[in-house]
Amino acid sequence: MRNAVHNILYTVVNSRAYDANNMQTGLMSWQIAAIVIDVILAAVVVALEVVLIKRFRKRAVELKAARLE
């Protein structure tokens, strides 16, 4: 058991687990890019929904006015 623990600890310490480059705590660049793309796409979808709702309401008012004439 002692030898097994020694082997595991030896492997971890001599790996790059404690290297300064691996101690970054922030998001990776591809994760940031994915979040930015998601936000942009969500904004585009919301803008398109607003345009479609405005068009629908305008057509509904025009149809209602045409029926009354």
Protein backbone atom coordinates (compact mmCIF):
# COMPACT_ATOMS: atom_id res chain seq x y z
CA MET A 1 0.00 0.00 0.00
CA ARG A 2 2.79 2.40 0.89
CA ASN A 3 4.58 1.63 -2.35
CA ALA A 4 1.39 2.22 -4.38
CA VAL A 5 0.85 5.63 -2.77
CA HIS A 6 4.51 6.47 -3.39
CA ASN A 7 4.15 5.59 -7.08
CA ILE A 8 1.00 7.68 -7.49
CA LEU A 9 2.48 10.70 -5.73
CA TYR A 10 5.71 10.37 -7.72
CA THR A 11 3.74 10.38 -10.95
CA VAL A 12 1.70 13.45 -9.99
CA VAL A 13 4.65 15.48 -8.73
CA ASN A 14 6.80 14.72 -11.76
CA SER A 15 4.00 15.43 -14.22
CA ARG A 16 3.12 18.93 -15.34
CA ALA A 17 0.29 19.18 -12.83
CA TYR A 18 2.24 21.68 -10.75
CA ASP A 19 3.69 23.60 -13.68
CA ALA A 20 2.96 27.34 -13.57
CA ASN A 21 1.46 27.27 -17.07
CA ASN A 22 -1.13 24.73 -15.96
CA MET A 23 -2.25 26.80 -12.98
CA GLN A 24 -4.40 29.15 -15.07
CA THR A 25 -7.82 29.45 -13.49
CA GLY A 26 -9.64 31.40 -16.21
CA LEU A 27 -11.62 30.18 -19.17
CA MET A 28 -9.82 28.83 -22.19
CA SER A 29 -9.85 30.93 -25.35
CA TRP A 30 -12.18 28.56 -27.21
CA GLN A 31 -14.66 28.75 -24.33
CA ILE A 32 -14.64 32.56 -24.45
CA ALA A 33 -15.14 32.45 -28.23
CA ALA A 34 -18.06 30.04 -27.84
CA ILE A 35 -19.73 32.31 -25.27
CA VAL A 36 -19.27 35.37 -27.51
CA ILE A 37 -20.75 33.51 -30.49
CA ASP A 38 -23.70 32.34 -28.37
CA VAL A 39 -24.43 35.88 -27.18
CA ILE A 40 -24.24 37.27 -30.73
CA LEU A 41 -26.55 34.57 -32.08
CA ALA A 42 -29.02 35.14 -29.24
CA ALA A 43 -29.07 38.88 -30.01
CA VAL A 44 -29.71 38.15 -33.70
CA VAL A 45 -32.57 35.78 -32.84
CA VAL A 46 -34.18 38.36 -30.53
CA ALA A 47 -33.85 41.07 -33.20
CA LEU A 48 -35.45 38.81 -35.81
CA GLU A 49 -38.30 38.00 -33.43
CA VAL A 50 -38.96 41.70 -32.88
CA VAL A 51 -39.00 42.33 -36.65
CA LEU A 52 -41.36 39.42 -37.26
CA ILE A 53 -43.75 40.50 -34.51
CA LYS A 54 -43.85 44.05 -35.88
CA ARG A 55 -44.56 42.76 -39.39
CA PHE A 56 -47.28 40.44 -38.10
CA ARG A 57 -48.99 43.22 -36.18
CA LYS A 58 -48.77 45.59 -39.15
CA ARG A 59 -50.33 43.01 -41.47
CA ALA A 60 -53.03 42.22 -38.92
CA VAL A 61 -53.97 45.90 -38.68
CA GLU A 62 -53.99 46.23 -42.49
CA LEU A 63 -56.21 43.15 -42.87
CA LYS A 64 -58.58 44.40 -40.20
CA ALA A 65 -58.80 47.80 -41.91
CA ALA A 66 -59.42 46.14 -45.28
CA ARG A 67 -62.25 44.06 -43.85
CA LEU A 68 -63.93 47.14 -42.40
CA GLU A 69 -63.96 48.93 -45.75
